[in-house]
PDB file of N, CA and C in Angstrom:
ATOM      1  N   UNK A   1    -156.837  -0.825  16.804  1.00  0.00           N
ATOM      2  CA  UNK A   1    -156.670  -1.445  18.110  1.00  0.00           C
ATOM      3  C   UNK A   1    -155.382  -2.267  18.132  1.00  0.00           C
ATOM      4  N   UNK A   2    -155.328  -3.336  17.343  1.00  0.00           N
ATOM      5  CA  UNK A   2    -154.122  -4.154  17.299  1.00  0.00           C
ATOM      6  C   UNK A   2    -153.254  -3.800  16.108  1.00  0.00           C
ATOM      7  N   UNK A   3    -153.803  -3.153  15.109  1.00  0.00           N
ATOM      8  CA  UNK A   3    -153.057  -2.762  13.939  1.00  0.00           C
ATOM      9  C   UNK A   3    -152.651  -3.928  13.057  1.00  0.00           C
ATOM     10  N   UNK A   4    -153.515  -4.942  12.949  1.00  0.00           N
ATOM     11  CA  UNK A   4    -153.219  -6.072  12.079  1.00  0.00           C
ATOM     12  C   UNK A   4    -153.619  -5.725  10.657  1.00  0.00           C
ATOM     13  N   UNK A   5    -152.640  -5.652   9.791  1.00  0.00           N
ATOM     14  CA  UNK A   5    -152.900  -5.386   8.385  1.00  0.00           C
ATOM     15  C   UNK A   5    -152.762  -6.656   7.567  1.00  0.00           C
ATOM     16  N   UNK A   6    -152.801  -6.492   6.261  1.00  0.00           N
ATOM     17  CA  UNK A   6    -152.716  -7.629   5.362  1.00  0.00           C
ATOM     18  C   UNK A   6    -151.395  -8.392   5.503  1.00  0.00           C
ATOM     19  N   UNK A   7    -150.252  -7.706   5.589  1.00  0.00           N
ATOM     20  CA  UNK A   7    -148.984  -8.457   5.733  1.00  0.00           C
ATOM     21  C   UNK A   7    -148.921  -9.284   7.019  1.00  0.00           C
ATOM     22  N   UNK A   8    -149.447  -8.747   8.094  1.00  0.00           N
ATOM     23  CA  UNK A   8    -149.439  -9.474   9.359  1.00  0.00           C
ATOM     24  C   UNK A   8    -150.333 -10.705   9.294  1.00  0.00           C
ATOM     25  N   UNK A   9    -151.507 -10.565   8.666  1.00  0.00           N
ATOM     26  CA  UNK A   9    -152.415 -11.704   8.528  1.00  0.00           C
ATOM     27  C   UNK A   9    -151.804 -12.797   7.656  1.00  0.00           C
ATOM     28  N   UNK A  10    -151.100 -12.412   6.600  1.00  0.00           N
ATOM     29  CA  UNK A  10    -150.413 -13.397   5.762  1.00  0.00           C
ATOM     30  C   UNK A  10    -149.339 -14.134   6.549  1.00  0.00           C
ATOM     31  N   UNK A  11    -148.616 -13.417   7.380  1.00  0.00           N
ATOM     32  CA  UNK A  11    -147.579 -14.038   8.205  1.00  0.00           C
ATOM     33  C   UNK A  11    -148.193 -15.035   9.184  1.00  0.00           C
ATOM     34  N   UNK A  12    -149.301 -14.668   9.810  1.00  0.00           N
ATOM     35  CA  UNK A  12    -149.984 -15.570  10.740  1.00  0.00           C
ATOM     36  C   UNK A  12    -150.475 -16.813  10.007  1.00  0.00           C
ATOM     37  N   UNK A  13    -151.062 -16.637   8.826  1.00  0.00           N
ATOM     38  CA  UNK A  13    -151.527 -17.768   8.029  1.00  0.00           C
ATOM     39  C   UNK A  13    -150.367 -18.681   7.651  1.00  0.00           C
ATOM     40  N   UNK A  14    -149.243 -18.108   7.270  1.00  0.00           N
ATOM     41  CA  UNK A  14    -148.059 -18.885   6.908  1.00  0.00           C
ATOM     42  C   UNK A  14    -147.563 -19.711   8.092  1.00  0.00           C
ATOM     43  N   UNK A  15    -147.549 -19.127   9.273  1.00  0.00           N
ATOM     44  CA  UNK A  15    -147.099 -19.840  10.474  1.00  0.00           C
ATOM     45  C   UNK A  15    -148.055 -20.984  10.804  1.00  0.00           C
ATOM     46  N   UNK A  16    -149.361 -20.748  10.677  1.00  0.00           N
ATOM     47  CA  UNK A  16    -150.350 -21.799  10.940  1.00  0.00           C
ATOM     48  C   UNK A  16    -150.160 -22.960   9.974  1.00  0.00           C
ATOM     49  N   UNK A  17    -149.921 -22.660   8.704  1.00  0.00           N
ATOM     50  CA  UNK A  17    -149.699 -23.716   7.711  1.00  0.00           C
ATOM     51  C   UNK A  17    -148.435 -24.492   8.040  1.00  0.00           C
ATOM     52  N   UNK A  18    -147.390 -23.809   8.473  1.00  0.00           N
ATOM     53  CA  UNK A  18    -146.150 -24.495   8.836  1.00  0.00           C
ATOM     54  C   UNK A  18    -146.345 -25.420  10.032  1.00  0.00           C
ATOM     55  N   UNK A  19    -147.104 -24.972  11.008  1.00  0.00           N
ATOM     56  CA  UNK A  19    -147.281 -25.757  12.233  1.00  0.00           C
ATOM     57  C   UNK A  19    -148.212 -26.946  12.005  1.00  0.00           C
ATOM     58  N   UNK A  20    -149.364 -26.710  11.383  1.00  0.00           N
ATOM     59  CA  UNK A  20    -150.389 -27.747  11.294  1.00  0.00           C
ATOM     60  C   UNK A  20    -150.433 -28.472   9.957  1.00  0.00           C
ATOM     61  N   UNK A  21    -149.911 -27.895   8.919  1.00  0.00           N
ATOM     62  CA  UNK A  21    -149.988 -28.512   7.601  1.00  0.00           C
ATOM     63  C   UNK A  21    -151.315 -28.198   6.938  1.00  0.00           C
ATOM     64  N   UNK A  22    -151.339 -28.338   5.626  1.00  0.00           N
ATOM     65  CA  UNK A  22    -152.547 -27.953   4.885  1.00  0.00           C
ATOM     66  C   UNK A  22    -153.703 -28.922   5.090  1.00  0.00           C
ATOM     67  N   UNK A  23    -153.418 -30.156   5.445  1.00  0.00           N
ATOM     68  CA  UNK A  23    -154.496 -31.140   5.582  1.00  0.00           C
ATOM     69  C   UNK A  23    -155.321 -30.945   6.850  1.00  0.00           C
ATOM     70  N   UNK A  24    -154.754 -30.327   7.872  1.00  0.00           N
ATOM     71  CA  UNK A  24    -155.477 -30.180   9.139  1.00  0.00           C
ATOM     72  C   UNK A  24    -156.168 -28.837   9.288  1.00  0.00           C
ATOM     73  N   UNK A  25    -155.945 -27.896   8.393  1.00  0.00           N
ATOM     74  CA  UNK A  25    -156.534 -26.568   8.528  1.00  0.00           C
ATOM     75  C   UNK A  25    -158.065 -26.598   8.475  1.00  0.00           C
ATOM     76  N   UNK A  26    -158.712 -27.332   7.554  1.00  0.00           N
ATOM     77  CA  UNK A  26    -160.185 -27.382   7.577  1.00  0.00           C
ATOM     78  C   UNK A  26    -160.731 -27.957   8.883  1.00  0.00           C
ATOM     79  N   UNK A  27    -160.038 -28.946   9.407  1.00  0.00           N
ATOM     80  CA  UNK A  27    -160.406 -29.563  10.685  1.00  0.00           C
ATOM     81  C   UNK A  27    -160.356 -28.527  11.816  1.00  0.00           C
ATOM     82  N   UNK A  28    -159.290 -27.736  11.837  1.00  0.00           N
ATOM     83  CA  UNK A  28    -159.134 -26.709  12.861  1.00  0.00           C
ATOM     84  C   UNK A  28    -160.202 -25.627  12.722  1.00  0.00           C
ATOM     85  N   UNK A  29    -160.496 -25.237  11.484  1.00  0.00           N
ATOM     86  CA  UNK A  29    -161.530 -24.233  11.245  1.00  0.00           C
ATOM     87  C   UNK A  29    -162.896 -24.700  11.709  1.00  0.00           C
ATOM     88  N   UNK A  30    -163.209 -25.958  11.445  1.00  0.00           N
ATOM     89  CA  UNK A  30    -164.493 -26.521  11.870  1.00  0.00           C
ATOM     90  C   UNK A  30    -164.592 -26.529  13.390  1.00  0.00           C
ATOM     91  N   UNK A  31    -163.536 -26.961  14.050  1.00  0.00           N
ATOM     92  CA  UNK A  31    -163.533 -26.990  15.510  1.00  0.00           C
ATOM     93  C   UNK A  31    -163.653 -25.602  16.113  1.00  0.00           C
ATOM     94  N   UNK A  32    -162.972 -24.640  15.508  1.00  0.00           N
ATOM     95  CA  UNK A  32    -163.041 -23.266  15.991  1.00  0.00           C
ATOM     96  C   UNK A  32    -164.445 -22.700  15.812  1.00  0.00           C
ATOM     97  N   UNK A  33    -165.057 -22.970  14.661  1.00  0.00           N
ATOM     98  CA  UNK A  33    -166.421 -22.500  14.407  1.00  0.00           C
ATOM     99  C   UNK A  33    -167.423 -23.090  15.378  1.00  0.00           C
ATOM    100  N   UNK A  34    -167.303 -24.384  15.649  1.00  0.00           N
ATOM    101  CA  UNK A  34    -168.204 -25.033  16.605  1.00  0.00           C
ATOM    102  C   UNK A  34    -168.007 -24.471  18.005  1.00  0.00           C
ATOM    103  N   UNK A  35    -166.773 -24.212  18.366  1.00  0.00           N
ATOM    104  CA  UNK A  35    -166.495 -23.649  19.681  1.00  0.00           C
ATOM    105  C   UNK A  35    -167.091 -22.263  19.846  1.00  0.00           C
ATOM    106  N   UNK A  36    -166.957 -21.433  18.825  1.00  0.00           N
ATOM    107  CA  UNK A  36    -167.526 -20.084  18.875  1.00  0.00           C
ATOM    108  C   UNK A  36    -169.046 -20.153  18.945  1.00  0.00           C
ATOM    109  N   UNK A  37    -169.643 -21.048  18.148  1.00  0.00           N
ATOM    110  CA  UNK A  37    -171.101 -21.208  18.150  1.00  0.00           C
ATOM    111  C   UNK A  37    -171.592 -21.637  19.529  1.00  0.00           C
ATOM    112  N   UNK A  38    -170.924 -22.607  20.138  1.00  0.00           N
ATOM    113  CA  UNK A  38    -171.325 -23.075  21.466  1.00  0.00           C
ATOM    114  C   UNK A  38    -171.132 -21.994  22.515  1.00  0.00           C
ATOM    115  N   UNK A  39    -170.091 -21.202  22.378  1.00  0.00           N
ATOM    116  CA  UNK A  39    -169.845 -20.108  23.315  1.00  0.00           C
ATOM    117  C   UNK A  39    -170.967 -19.080  23.233  1.00  0.00           C
ATOM    118  N   UNK A  40    -171.364 -18.728  22.014  1.00  0.00           N
ATOM    119  CA  UNK A  40    -172.445 -17.757  21.844  1.00  0.00           C
ATOM    120  C   UNK A  40    -173.758 -18.287  22.405  1.00  0.00           C
ATOM    121  N   UNK A  41    -174.034 -19.574  22.195  1.00  0.00           N
ATOM    122  CA  UNK A  41    -175.246 -20.174  22.759  1.00  0.00           C
ATOM    123  C   UNK A  41    -175.202 -20.143  24.278  1.00  0.00           C
ATOM    124  N   UNK A  42    -174.043 -20.398  24.844  1.00  0.00           N
ATOM    125  CA  UNK A  42    -173.894 -20.370  26.293  1.00  0.00           C
ATOM    126  C   UNK A  42    -174.106 -18.978  26.859  1.00  0.00           C
ATOM    127  N   UNK A  43    -173.637 -17.964  26.152  1.00  0.00           N
ATOM    128  CA  UNK A  43    -173.820 -16.586  26.593  1.00  0.00           C
ATOM    129  C   UNK A  43    -175.301 -16.212  26.586  1.00  0.00           C
ATOM    130  N   UNK A  44    -176.019 -16.666  25.562  1.00  0.00           N
ATOM    131  CA  UNK A  44    -177.444 -16.358  25.457  1.00  0.00           C
ATOM    132  C   UNK A  44    -178.277 -17.152  26.449  1.00  0.00           C
ATOM    133  N   UNK A  45    -177.720 -18.215  27.011  1.00  0.00           N
ATOM    134  CA  UNK A  45    -178.454 -19.019  27.969  1.00  0.00           C
ATOM    135  C   UNK A  45    -179.222 -20.154  27.334  1.00  0.00           C
ATOM    136  N   UNK A  46    -178.966 -20.413  26.068  1.00  0.00           N
ATOM    137  CA  UNK A  46    -179.643 -21.518  25.400  1.00  0.00           C
ATOM    138  C   UNK A  46    -178.953 -22.819  25.769  1.00  0.00           C
ATOM    139  N   UNK A  47    -179.755 -23.826  26.038  1.00  0.00           N
ATOM    140  CA  UNK A  47    -179.208 -25.138  26.342  1.00  0.00           C
ATOM    141  C   UNK A  47    -179.728 -26.131  25.323  1.00  0.00           C
ATOM    142  N   UNK A  48    -178.927 -27.101  25.018  1.00  0.00           N
ATOM    143  CA  UNK A  48    -179.332 -28.133  24.070  1.00  0.00           C
ATOM    144  C   UNK A  48    -180.028 -29.259  24.817  1.00  0.00           C
ATOM    145  N   UNK A  49    -181.292 -29.059  25.090  1.00  0.00           N
ATOM    146  CA  UNK A  49    -182.073 -30.085  25.762  1.00  0.00           C
ATOM    147  C   UNK A  49    -182.838 -30.871  24.714  1.00  0.00           C
ATOM    148  N   UNK A  50    -182.740 -32.177  24.791  1.00  0.00           N
ATOM    149  CA  UNK A  50    -183.465 -33.022  23.852  1.00  0.00           C
ATOM    150  C   UNK A  50    -184.883 -33.217  24.365  1.00  0.00           C
ATOM    151  N   UNK A  51    -185.832 -32.904  23.501  1.00  0.00           N
ATOM    152  CA  UNK A  51    -187.235 -33.070  23.874  1.00  0.00           C
ATOM    153  C   UNK A  51    -187.715 -34.421  23.377  1.00  0.00           C
ATOM    154  N   UNK A  52    -188.405 -35.179  24.235  1.00  0.00           N
ATOM    155  CA  UNK A  52    -188.897 -36.510  23.821  1.00  0.00           C
ATOM    156  C   UNK A  52    -190.010 -36.440  22.813  1.00  0.00           C
TER     157      UNK A  52
END
């Protein structure tokens, strides 16, 4: 589809490290994971309602 191979992925990773630095990458990964999780929950129609 997009034809992303190993060299292209390495280049993307290198650019991300240059832009954000190594200290912020775990932070970005966590935020991205939470965003994807919330998106999937929203698609399924699940809501985070607190039950008393």
